[in-house]
Amino acid sequence: MAETSECEETPVRAGTRDAVSSLRVPVLGLVVPAAVWLWVASILALLGSLKLVDPRFLGTWGWLTFGRISPAAFLSFVYGFGIPMGLCAVLWAVTKGGRLPLPGGRWFLASSFLWNLGLWSGITGVLAGESRSLSWLGLPTFSLPSLGMAYLLSAGWLVAVLVRRWEESSLASRFLLLGLVWIPWAGGAAALWLHDPSVRGVAIGSLEWWFNDGLLYAGLGAFALGAMHLLLPGFLGRPASFAGLGRWAFWAWVLFANLAGMAHLVGGPFPLWMVSTGVSSRFLLWAAAVAIGLGFWAAARGAPAEGKQWDPGWHFLRFGMGSFLVAAGLGAVLVLPAWSRYVHYTVLEEAQLTLFLYGFLGMTFFALLYTILPRVLGRSWPSVGLAKAHFLLSSYGISFLAGLLAVGGLFQGVALDNAEVPIHEVILSLLPFLRSAAAPAMALLAAHAVFGLHLLWLLVESGANRREGEKAALPGVAMEGARTP
């Protein structure tokens, strides 16, 4: 049964030039720095892969050791690219795809400046050795006030708007609201607990994994799911199918995304109820992911045949949804006691994280950018060939990187379980897979470089058009919760 209740809202009139103009500066203030941080994250990840091939590479540069550039790469991607792209999706939702004006655009510009200033100081601190060695909680303390102030400036009134529209909101808006609310709440709580003298020892470990998986699923994952539900009607002319399953999946995501991190505590000095809660939450998240996937693919089955124009957004969105289902299933299977004995603390867990971060989040946010930027700038993307190159390089890089880590993790887990195998032989058996990962990491860097060049080309052409006074028509966008007249 097709979902109809989500789109039966008051029709919204076609967007005006003033409404789009009010959206242009905030969106570009988020997108342009995010593209730079994406390139920074790709360079750092490639350097980390090369150092696994040859540990002497840049060996005299203490601030480029593997233990510093590896967390800096993840932090740059998560905080520099992931969160700003989530805010772009929220801006697109609250303005009904550029049909409603966005007040307070200068606040977003100031917020973007503060955010990038804080993140630059934080990443610099990590490379200088000021990290707390807590993975996604590893940004130095001196960078947190700027990041917190920037997020509250940009997200405060967005939360108020979405809450005020709760009764009439679509599934996309509800997922986006979840991401908006969870990030400052959990980030503030984690920062306070880390500075509490009574929170020490194993409590730090449970706090770290609670925040990591919460940020991954309840924060960034909710942003990406909201963006997916936001974009789907534009590609198919209708929202995702199975309204009841979609609402159930949302509430399951709200309840259990915040508890899934406790599954990482298996085998540690923690109460059994914590580990059991984490394992159960992982499986319930997988069930929610299957429900979302069923709605997506049921709607996609009736998609019209692709015309002559190759649509990059639709291809990125399909790849992102496939990665989402595989990553959610893999995350549930890996925490089973029969499997966790072999794969816990192996690079197979890194394969699951790669699929979720780069395969789901990254590709879904690229689908968002390929869809909204032509509307915001009033000009289509200049080159279909560059868009195809970006998609092919990204999809091949993510697939091969995740595959290499998955196979290497299986060999590593079996060898670690054998007490007769010396640890140095385990490391030697894993090295070929880690060294081979440099090739897909280079493909990802090339993909992000292609996207950066394509984005620069689009910005230059759109700026030239505005200077010449050309009046580009604003194409209609089918939005979830809004009808195109």
Protein backbone atom coordinates (compact mmCIF):
# COMPACT_ATOMS: atom_id res chain seq x y z
CA MET A 1 0.00 0.00 0.00
CA ALA A 2 1.49 3.30 -1.05
CA GLU A 3 2.09 5.93 1.58
CA THR A 4 -0.40 8.74 1.11
CA SER A 5 -0.83 10.38 4.47
CA GLU A 6 2.66 11.89 4.38
CA CYS A 7 1.96 13.93 1.28
CA GLU A 8 -1.63 15.05 1.90
CA GLU A 9 -0.78 18.50 3.16
CA THR A 10 -1.62 22.00 2.05
CA PRO A 11 -0.16 22.69 -1.38
CA VAL A 12 2.73 25.14 -1.37
CA ARG A 13 3.02 27.76 -4.08
CA ALA A 14 5.98 27.73 -6.42
CA GLY A 15 9.09 29.28 -4.97
CA THR A 16 9.98 32.85 -5.73
CA ARG A 17 13.36 34.27 -6.58
CA ASP A 18 13.46 36.00 -3.18
CA ALA A 19 12.92 32.71 -1.36
CA VAL A 20 15.74 31.02 -3.27
CA SER A 21 18.02 34.00 -2.76
CA SER A 22 17.48 33.81 0.99
CA LEU A 23 18.55 30.16 0.89
CA ARG A 24 21.61 30.61 -1.32
CA VAL A 25 24.01 32.16 1.21
CA PRO A 26 23.28 29.74 4.12
CA VAL A 27 23.52 26.67 1.87
CA LEU A 28 26.78 27.76 0.26
CA GLY A 29 28.12 28.72 3.70
CA LEU A 30 27.65 25.09 4.70
CA VAL A 31 28.49 23.32 1.43
CA VAL A 32 31.75 25.02 0.42
CA PRO A 33 33.60 24.47 3.76
CA ALA A 34 32.15 20.94 3.91
CA ALA A 35 33.69 20.15 0.53
CA VAL A 36 37.05 21.41 1.81
CA TRP A 37 36.81 19.26 4.94
CA LEU A 38 35.85 16.27 2.83
CA TRP A 39 39.04 16.70 0.83
CA VAL A 40 41.07 17.10 4.04
CA ALA A 41 39.56 13.88 5.44
CA SER A 42 40.34 12.02 2.20
CA ILE A 43 43.96 13.20 2.18
CA LEU A 44 44.47 12.19 5.82
CA ALA A 45 42.86 8.78 5.22
CA LEU A 46 45.11 8.19 2.21
CA LEU A 47 48.18 9.18 4.22
CA GLY A 48 47.13 6.67 6.89
CA SER A 49 46.84 3.92 4.28
CA LEU A 50 50.24 4.77 2.83
CA LYS A 51 51.84 4.64 6.27
CA LEU A 52 50.53 1.07 6.61
CA VAL A 53 52.28 0.25 3.32
CA ASP A 54 55.54 1.90 4.42
CA PRO A 55 55.79 2.94 8.11
CA ARG A 56 58.84 5.09 7.25
CA PHE A 57 56.68 7.32 5.04
CA LEU A 58 56.72 10.82 6.65
CA GLY A 59 58.33 9.14 9.64
CA THR A 60 60.22 12.26 10.70
CA TRP A 61 57.00 14.31 10.99
CA GLY A 62 55.68 13.65 14.50
CA TRP A 63 52.31 15.34 13.91
CA LEU A 64 51.62 12.99 10.95
CA THR A 65 51.95 9.70 12.82
CA PHE A 66 49.26 7.09 12.17
CA GLY A 67 47.82 7.51 15.66
CA ARG A 68 47.09 11.18 14.91
CA ILE A 69 46.07 11.30 11.27
CA SER A 70 43.66 8.35 11.54
CA PRO A 71 41.35 9.98 14.15
CA ALA A 72 41.81 13.37 12.44
CA ALA A 73 40.47 11.86 9.20
CA PHE A 74 37.33 10.50 10.88
CA LEU A 75 36.75 13.71 12.84
CA SER A 76 37.13 15.83 9.69
CA PHE A 77 34.58 13.71 7.84
CA VAL A 78 32.05 13.52 10.69
CA TYR A 79 32.20 17.11 11.95
CA GLY A 80 33.38 18.86 8.80
CA PHE A 81 31.19 17.13 6.22
CA GLY A 82 28.50 15.02 7.93
CA ILE A 83 26.90 17.52 10.31
CA PRO A 84 26.89 20.49 7.85
CA MET A 85 25.23 18.28 5.23
CA GLY A 86 22.59 17.30 7.77
CA LEU A 87 21.90 20.98 8.40
CA CYS A 88 21.59 21.53 4.62
CA ALA A 89 18.89 18.85 4.52
CA VAL A 90 17.05 20.59 7.37
CA LEU A 91 17.22 23.96 5.58
CA TRP A 92 15.81 22.37 2.45
CA ALA A 93 12.99 20.80 4.47
CA VAL A 94 11.90 23.87 6.46
CA THR A 95 11.80 26.04 3.31
CA LYS A 96 9.81 23.39 1.38
CA GLY A 97 12.47 23.07 -1.27
CA GLY A 98 13.13 26.80 -1.66
CA ARG A 99 9.48 27.81 -1.81
CA LEU A 100 9.41 29.59 1.54
CA PRO A 101 11.82 32.39 2.49
CA LEU A 102 14.50 31.68 5.07
CA PRO A 103 14.87 34.50 7.62
CA GLY A 104 18.13 35.08 9.43
CA GLY A 105 20.54 33.93 6.73
CA ARG A 106 23.34 35.98 8.28
CA TRP A 107 23.06 33.95 11.48
CA PHE A 108 23.83 30.83 9.47
CA LEU A 109 26.85 32.50 7.91
CA ALA A 110 28.15 33.48 11.36
CA SER A 111 27.41 29.96 12.60
CA SER A 112 29.36 28.42 9.73
CA PHE A 113 32.35 30.66 10.45
CA LEU A 114 32.36 29.73 14.16
CA TRP A 115 31.92 26.04 13.38
CA ASN A 116 34.79 25.87 10.93
CA LEU A 117 37.01 27.97 13.20
CA GLY A 118 36.39 25.59 16.10
CA LEU A 119 36.85 22.51 13.92
CA TRP A 120 40.09 23.86 12.43
CA SER A 121 41.49 24.46 15.91
CA GLY A 122 40.29 21.01 17.01
CA ILE A 123 41.82 19.10 14.10
CA THR A 124 45.05 21.06 14.49
CA GLY A 125 45.05 20.12 18.17
CA VAL A 126 44.56 16.43 17.33
CA LEU A 127 47.52 16.51 14.92
CA ALA A 128 49.57 18.30 17.59
CA GLY A 129 48.88 15.54 20.09
CA GLU A 130 46.15 17.26 22.16
CA SER A 131 43.54 14.55 21.52
CA ARG A 132 41.93 12.69 24.41
CA SER A 133 42.28 9.38 22.51
CA LEU A 134 38.50 8.82 22.65
CA SER A 135 37.82 8.45 18.92
CA TRP A 136 34.79 10.69 18.17
CA LEU A 137 35.09 12.40 21.54
CA GLY A 138 38.71 13.19 20.74
CA LEU A 139 38.44 16.87 19.85
CA PRO A 140 40.41 19.03 22.31
CA THR A 141 38.48 20.88 24.99
CA PHE A 142 39.46 24.33 23.72
CA SER A 143 37.59 23.72 20.44
CA LEU A 144 34.27 22.74 22.04
CA PRO A 145 32.89 26.22 23.01
CA SER A 146 33.11 27.47 19.43
CA LEU A 147 31.51 24.31 18.06
CA GLY A 148 28.70 24.40 20.62
CA MET A 149 27.94 28.08 20.05
CA ALA A 150 27.92 27.60 16.28
CA TYR A 151 25.55 24.65 16.41
CA LEU A 152 23.10 26.40 18.70
CA LEU A 153 23.08 29.48 16.45
CA SER A 154 22.14 27.45 13.38
CA ALA A 155 20.00 24.67 14.86
CA GLY A 156 18.08 26.49 17.58
CA TRP A 157 15.31 28.02 15.51
CA LEU A 158 15.25 25.04 13.11
CA VAL A 159 14.25 22.84 16.04
CA ALA A 160 11.55 25.35 16.99
CA VAL A 161 10.14 25.34 13.44
CA LEU A 162 10.06 21.55 13.18
CA VAL A 163 8.49 21.15 16.62
CA ARG A 164 5.80 23.71 15.75
CA ARG A 165 5.00 21.70 12.58
CA TRP A 166 5.09 18.31 14.34
CA GLU A 167 1.42 17.47 13.77
CA GLU A 168 1.71 18.08 10.04
CA SER A 169 5.32 17.01 9.59
CA SER A 170 6.43 14.26 7.24
CA LEU A 171 8.63 11.29 8.05
CA ALA A 172 11.62 13.16 6.64
CA SER A 173 11.10 16.09 9.02
CA ARG A 174 10.84 13.78 12.02
CA PHE A 175 14.13 12.04 11.25
CA LEU A 176 15.79 15.42 10.72
CA LEU A 177 14.42 16.69 14.03
CA LEU A 178 15.84 13.62 15.78
CA GLY A 179 19.31 14.39 14.43
CA LEU A 180 19.05 18.07 15.32
CA VAL A 181 18.05 17.39 18.92
CA TRP A 182 20.31 14.43 19.67
CA ILE A 183 23.65 16.02 18.72
CA PRO A 184 23.66 18.97 21.18
CA TRP A 185 22.03 16.93 23.94
CA ALA A 186 24.49 14.02 23.76
CA GLY A 187 27.48 16.23 22.97
CA GLY A 188 26.80 18.45 25.98
CA ALA A 189 26.21 15.49 28.29
CA ALA A 190 29.41 13.74 27.14
CA ALA A 191 31.47 16.92 27.60
CA LEU A 192 30.17 17.36 31.16
CA TRP A 193 30.78 13.73 32.12
CA LEU A 194 34.32 13.75 30.74
CA HIS A 195 35.15 16.62 33.11
CA ASP A 196 33.51 14.93 36.10
CA PRO A 197 36.25 13.48 38.37
CA SER A 198 33.98 10.59 39.37
CA VAL A 199 33.68 9.33 35.76
CA ARG A 200 36.83 7.28 35.36
CA GLY A 201 37.98 3.80 34.37
CA VAL A 202 35.44 1.56 32.66
CA ALA A 203 32.81 4.32 32.83
CA ILE A 204 34.83 6.24 30.23
CA GLY A 205 34.65 3.25 27.87
CA SER A 206 30.87 2.95 28.18
CA LEU A 207 30.51 6.73 27.71
CA GLU A 208 32.68 6.65 24.59
CA TRP A 209 30.74 3.89 22.86
CA TRP A 210 27.38 5.37 23.87
CA PHE A 211 28.34 8.65 22.20
CA ASN A 212 30.03 7.07 19.16
CA ASP A 213 27.16 4.86 18.08
CA GLY A 214 24.61 7.45 19.12
CA LEU A 215 26.26 10.04 16.89
CA LEU A 216 26.50 7.48 14.09
CA TYR A 217 22.88 6.26 14.23
CA ALA A 218 20.74 8.81 16.13
CA GLY A 219 22.64 11.86 14.85
CA LEU A 220 24.18 11.45 11.40
CA GLY A 221 22.10 8.39 10.53
CA ALA A 222 18.88 10.26 11.29
CA PHE A 223 20.06 13.16 9.10
CA ALA A 224 20.76 10.80 6.19
CA LEU A 225 17.44 8.96 6.60
CA GLY A 226 15.64 12.30 6.65
CA ALA A 227 17.47 13.36 3.48
CA MET A 228 16.53 10.07 1.80
CA HIS A 229 12.83 10.50 2.58
CA LEU A 230 13.12 14.14 1.49
CA LEU A 231 14.61 13.33 -1.91
CA LEU A 232 12.66 10.23 -2.85
CA PRO A 233 9.45 12.02 -4.01
CA GLY A 234 11.52 14.22 -6.29
CA PHE A 235 12.92 11.18 -8.12
CA LEU A 236 9.82 8.96 -8.12
CA GLY A 237 6.93 11.38 -7.78
CA ARG A 238 5.76 9.74 -4.54
CA PRO A 239 7.13 9.10 -1.04
CA ALA A 240 8.36 5.77 0.30
CA SER A 241 5.75 3.01 0.49
CA PHE A 242 4.23 1.41 3.62
CA ALA A 243 3.36 4.36 5.86
CA GLY A 244 2.82 2.18 8.95
CA LEU A 245 6.20 0.49 8.62
CA GLY A 246 7.87 3.87 8.15
CA ARG A 247 6.38 5.28 11.35
CA TRP A 248 7.30 2.12 13.27
CA ALA A 249 10.87 2.35 11.94
CA PHE A 250 11.13 5.96 13.07
CA TRP A 251 10.08 5.23 16.65
CA ALA A 252 12.33 2.17 16.77
CA TRP A 253 15.19 4.40 15.63
CA VAL A 254 14.36 6.94 18.35
CA LEU A 255 14.29 4.32 21.10
CA PHE A 256 17.17 2.02 20.18
CA ALA A 257 19.72 4.07 18.19
CA ASN A 258 20.94 5.54 21.46
CA LEU A 259 21.52 2.10 23.03
CA ALA A 260 23.27 0.25 20.21
CA GLY A 261 26.74 1.38 21.32
CA MET A 262 26.63 -0.91 24.36
CA ALA A 263 27.07 -3.87 22.01
CA HIS A 264 30.76 -2.90 21.77
CA LEU A 265 31.19 -3.68 25.47
CA VAL A 266 30.98 -7.45 24.94
CA GLY A 267 33.87 -9.19 26.67
CA GLY A 268 34.61 -6.20 28.91
CA PRO A 269 34.14 -5.64 32.65
CA PHE A 270 30.56 -4.45 32.29
CA PRO A 271 27.22 -5.76 33.61
CA LEU A 272 25.61 -8.36 31.39
CA TRP A 273 22.41 -6.34 31.07
CA MET A 274 24.32 -3.54 29.35
CA VAL A 275 25.80 -5.86 26.74
CA SER A 276 22.47 -7.63 26.22
CA THR A 277 20.69 -4.29 25.76
CA GLY A 278 23.24 -3.25 23.15
CA VAL A 279 22.96 -6.52 21.21
CA SER A 280 19.15 -6.40 21.26
CA SER A 281 19.18 -2.76 20.14
CA ARG A 282 21.43 -3.62 17.18
CA PHE A 283 18.95 -6.24 15.99
CA LEU A 284 15.98 -3.91 16.44
CA LEU A 285 17.81 -1.24 14.44
CA TRP A 286 18.39 -3.83 11.74
CA ALA A 287 14.64 -4.59 11.72
CA ALA A 288 13.93 -0.87 11.40
CA ALA A 289 16.45 -0.64 8.54
CA VAL A 290 14.70 -3.52 6.74
CA ALA A 291 11.36 -1.73 7.14
CA ILE A 292 12.83 1.46 5.65
CA GLY A 293 14.45 -0.51 2.84
CA LEU A 294 11.18 -2.24 1.98
CA GLY A 295 9.45 1.13 1.67
CA PHE A 296 12.29 2.46 -0.50
CA TRP A 297 12.48 -0.47 -2.90
CA ALA A 298 8.70 -0.85 -3.16
CA ALA A 299 8.50 2.77 -4.27
CA ALA A 300 11.53 2.40 -6.56
CA ARG A 301 10.08 -0.61 -8.40
CA GLY A 302 7.58 1.63 -10.12
CA ALA A 303 10.15 4.25 -11.06
CA PRO A 304 9.88 5.52 -14.63
CA ALA A 305 12.52 4.34 -17.06
CA GLU A 306 15.58 6.56 -17.07
CA GLY A 307 15.67 9.01 -19.95
CA LYS A 308 18.60 10.24 -21.93
CA GLN A 309 19.76 12.50 -19.10
CA TRP A 310 21.78 10.55 -16.51
CA ASP A 311 20.59 11.55 -13.03
CA PRO A 312 23.50 11.45 -10.54
CA GLY A 313 21.31 12.08 -7.48
CA TRP A 314 19.22 8.95 -8.04
CA HIS A 315 22.30 6.74 -8.51
CA PHE A 316 23.95 8.09 -5.35
CA LEU A 317 20.73 7.62 -3.39
CA ARG A 318 20.31 3.99 -4.50
CA PHE A 319 23.89 3.15 -3.62
CA GLY A 320 23.46 4.82 -0.24
CA MET A 321 20.34 2.81 0.55
CA GLY A 322 22.04 -0.45 -0.42
CA SER A 323 25.01 0.39 1.81
CA PHE A 324 22.63 1.27 4.63
CA LEU A 325 20.95 -2.14 4.55
CA VAL A 326 24.23 -4.06 4.33
CA ALA A 327 25.86 -2.01 7.12
CA ALA A 328 22.83 -2.39 9.42
CA GLY A 329 22.72 -6.15 8.85
CA LEU A 330 26.46 -6.51 9.33
CA GLY A 331 26.29 -4.46 12.53
CA ALA A 332 23.68 -6.85 13.93
CA VAL A 333 25.50 -10.03 12.93
CA LEU A 334 28.88 -8.94 14.27
CA VAL A 335 27.62 -8.59 17.85
CA LEU A 336 26.25 -12.14 18.03
CA PRO A 337 28.24 -14.11 20.65
CA ALA A 338 29.09 -16.80 18.09
CA TRP A 339 30.61 -14.16 15.79
CA SER A 340 31.94 -11.60 18.23
CA ARG A 341 34.35 -14.22 19.59
CA TYR A 342 36.18 -14.06 16.26
CA VAL A 343 35.58 -10.57 14.88
CA HIS A 344 35.54 -8.30 17.93
CA TYR A 345 38.46 -5.83 17.75
CA THR A 346 39.23 -6.79 14.14
CA VAL A 347 39.15 -4.64 11.02
CA LEU A 348 35.84 -6.30 10.05
CA GLU A 349 34.22 -3.77 12.37
CA GLU A 350 36.03 -1.06 10.39
CA ALA A 351 34.43 -2.47 7.21
CA GLN A 352 30.97 -2.02 8.74
CA LEU A 353 31.84 1.53 9.80
CA THR A 354 33.18 2.32 6.32
CA LEU A 355 29.95 1.14 4.71
CA PHE A 356 27.83 3.25 7.04
CA LEU A 357 29.98 6.40 6.97
CA TYR A 358 31.10 6.55 3.36
CA GLY A 359 28.59 4.23 1.69
CA PHE A 360 25.38 5.41 3.37
CA LEU A 361 26.03 8.86 4.82
CA GLY A 362 28.46 10.09 2.17
CA MET A 363 26.53 8.87 -0.87
CA THR A 364 23.16 10.04 0.48
CA PHE A 365 24.54 13.51 1.17
CA PHE A 366 26.03 13.63 -2.33
CA ALA A 367 22.57 12.81 -3.69
CA LEU A 368 21.27 15.76 -1.65
CA LEU A 369 23.91 18.10 -3.09
CA TYR A 370 23.35 17.00 -6.68
CA THR A 371 19.64 17.69 -6.20
CA ILE A 372 19.46 20.98 -4.29
CA LEU A 373 22.43 22.97 -5.59
CA PRO A 374 20.98 23.43 -9.12
CA ARG A 375 17.78 24.76 -7.51
CA VAL A 376 19.65 27.07 -5.17
CA LEU A 377 22.05 28.40 -7.81
CA GLY A 378 19.57 28.42 -10.69
CA ARG A 379 21.83 26.40 -13.00
CA SER A 380 22.25 22.70 -13.68
CA TRP A 381 25.51 20.85 -13.11
CA PRO A 382 27.89 21.62 -15.99
CA SER A 383 29.17 18.12 -16.83
CA VAL A 384 27.43 14.76 -16.80
CA GLY A 385 30.81 13.11 -17.37
CA LEU A 386 32.27 14.52 -14.15
CA ALA A 387 29.18 13.40 -12.22
CA LYS A 388 29.57 9.88 -13.64
CA ALA A 389 33.27 9.84 -12.79
CA HIS A 390 32.48 10.95 -9.23
CA PHE A 391 29.89 8.19 -8.81
CA LEU A 392 32.03 5.42 -10.32
CA LEU A 393 35.16 6.33 -8.35
CA SER A 394 33.16 6.62 -5.11
CA SER A 395 31.23 3.37 -5.55
CA TYR A 396 34.30 1.35 -6.54
CA GLY A 397 36.43 2.88 -3.80
CA ILE A 398 33.85 2.21 -1.06
CA SER A 399 33.07 -1.32 -2.28
CA PHE A 400 36.69 -2.44 -2.55
CA LEU A 401 37.73 -0.76 0.71
CA ALA A 402 34.91 -2.40 2.66
CA GLY A 403 35.51 -5.74 0.95
CA LEU A 404 39.23 -5.77 1.71
CA LEU A 405 38.64 -4.89 5.36
CA ALA A 406 35.91 -7.51 5.69
CA VAL A 407 38.00 -10.37 4.26
CA GLY A 408 41.09 -9.26 6.17
CA GLY A 409 39.04 -9.07 9.37
CA LEU A 410 37.86 -12.65 8.98
CA PHE A 411 41.43 -13.93 8.58
CA GLN A 412 42.54 -11.77 11.51
CA GLY A 413 39.74 -13.03 13.77
CA VAL A 414 40.39 -16.72 13.06
CA ALA A 415 44.12 -16.27 13.64
CA LEU A 416 43.56 -14.37 16.91
CA ASP A 417 41.32 -17.16 18.20
CA ASN A 418 44.11 -19.69 17.69
CA ALA A 419 46.36 -19.54 20.76
CA GLU A 420 49.17 -21.33 18.88
CA VAL A 421 49.56 -18.52 16.33
CA PRO A 422 52.02 -15.81 17.50
CA ILE A 423 50.68 -12.28 17.43
CA HIS A 424 53.32 -11.11 14.96
CA GLU A 425 52.10 -13.73 12.46
CA VAL A 426 48.56 -12.43 12.88
CA ILE A 427 49.78 -8.94 12.02
CA LEU A 428 51.74 -10.20 9.03
CA SER A 429 48.69 -12.05 7.69
CA LEU A 430 46.65 -8.84 7.87
CA LEU A 431 49.21 -6.54 6.24
CA PRO A 432 48.43 -7.48 2.59
CA PHE A 433 44.80 -6.44 3.04
CA LEU A 434 45.71 -3.18 4.76
CA ARG A 435 48.30 -2.34 2.13
CA SER A 436 45.85 -3.09 -0.67
CA ALA A 437 43.43 -0.62 0.93
CA ALA A 438 45.64 2.25 -0.28
CA ALA A 439 44.25 1.81 -3.82
CA PRO A 440 40.54 2.30 -2.95
CA ALA A 441 41.53 5.13 -0.59
CA MET A 442 43.20 6.82 -3.55
CA ALA A 443 40.06 6.23 -5.63
CA LEU A 444 37.98 7.98 -2.95
CA LEU A 445 40.38 10.91 -2.90
CA ALA A 446 40.14 11.16 -6.69
CA ALA A 447 36.33 11.02 -6.46
CA HIS A 448 36.22 13.85 -3.94
CA ALA A 449 38.67 15.88 -6.03
CA VAL A 450 36.42 15.43 -9.07
CA PHE A 451 33.43 16.57 -7.03
CA GLY A 452 35.36 19.60 -5.78
CA LEU A 453 36.27 20.63 -9.33
CA HIS A 454 32.70 20.10 -10.50
CA LEU A 455 31.36 22.19 -7.60
CA LEU A 456 33.85 24.97 -8.38
CA TRP A 457 32.79 24.92 -12.04
CA LEU A 458 29.12 25.19 -11.02
CA LEU A 459 29.82 28.10 -8.66
CA VAL A 460 31.82 29.99 -11.30
CA GLU A 461 29.12 29.56 -13.96
CA SER A 462 26.27 30.50 -11.64
CA GLY A 463 28.19 33.59 -10.49
CA ALA A 464 28.82 34.62 -14.08
CA ASN A 465 25.13 34.22 -14.89
CA ARG A 466 24.10 36.46 -12.00
CA ARG A 467 26.59 39.13 -12.98
CA GLU A 468 25.25 39.12 -16.53
CA GLY A 469 21.72 39.49 -15.20
CA GLU A 470 20.41 36.25 -16.71
CA LYS A 471 17.14 35.05 -15.25
CA ALA A 472 17.28 31.29 -14.84
CA ALA A 473 13.94 29.57 -14.28
CA LEU A 474 13.46 27.74 -11.02
CA PRO A 475 12.40 24.15 -11.73
CA GLY A 476 9.67 22.65 -9.60
CA VAL A 477 10.81 20.17 -6.96
CA ALA A 478 8.54 17.41 -5.69
CA MET A 479 8.94 17.47 -1.95
CA GLU A 480 7.64 15.13 0.70
CA GLY A 481 4.81 17.01 2.36
CA ALA A 482 4.40 19.50 -0.50
CA ARG A 483 2.80 19.32 -3.92
CA THR A 484 4.20 20.90 -7.03
CA PRO A 485 1.46 22.89 -8.72
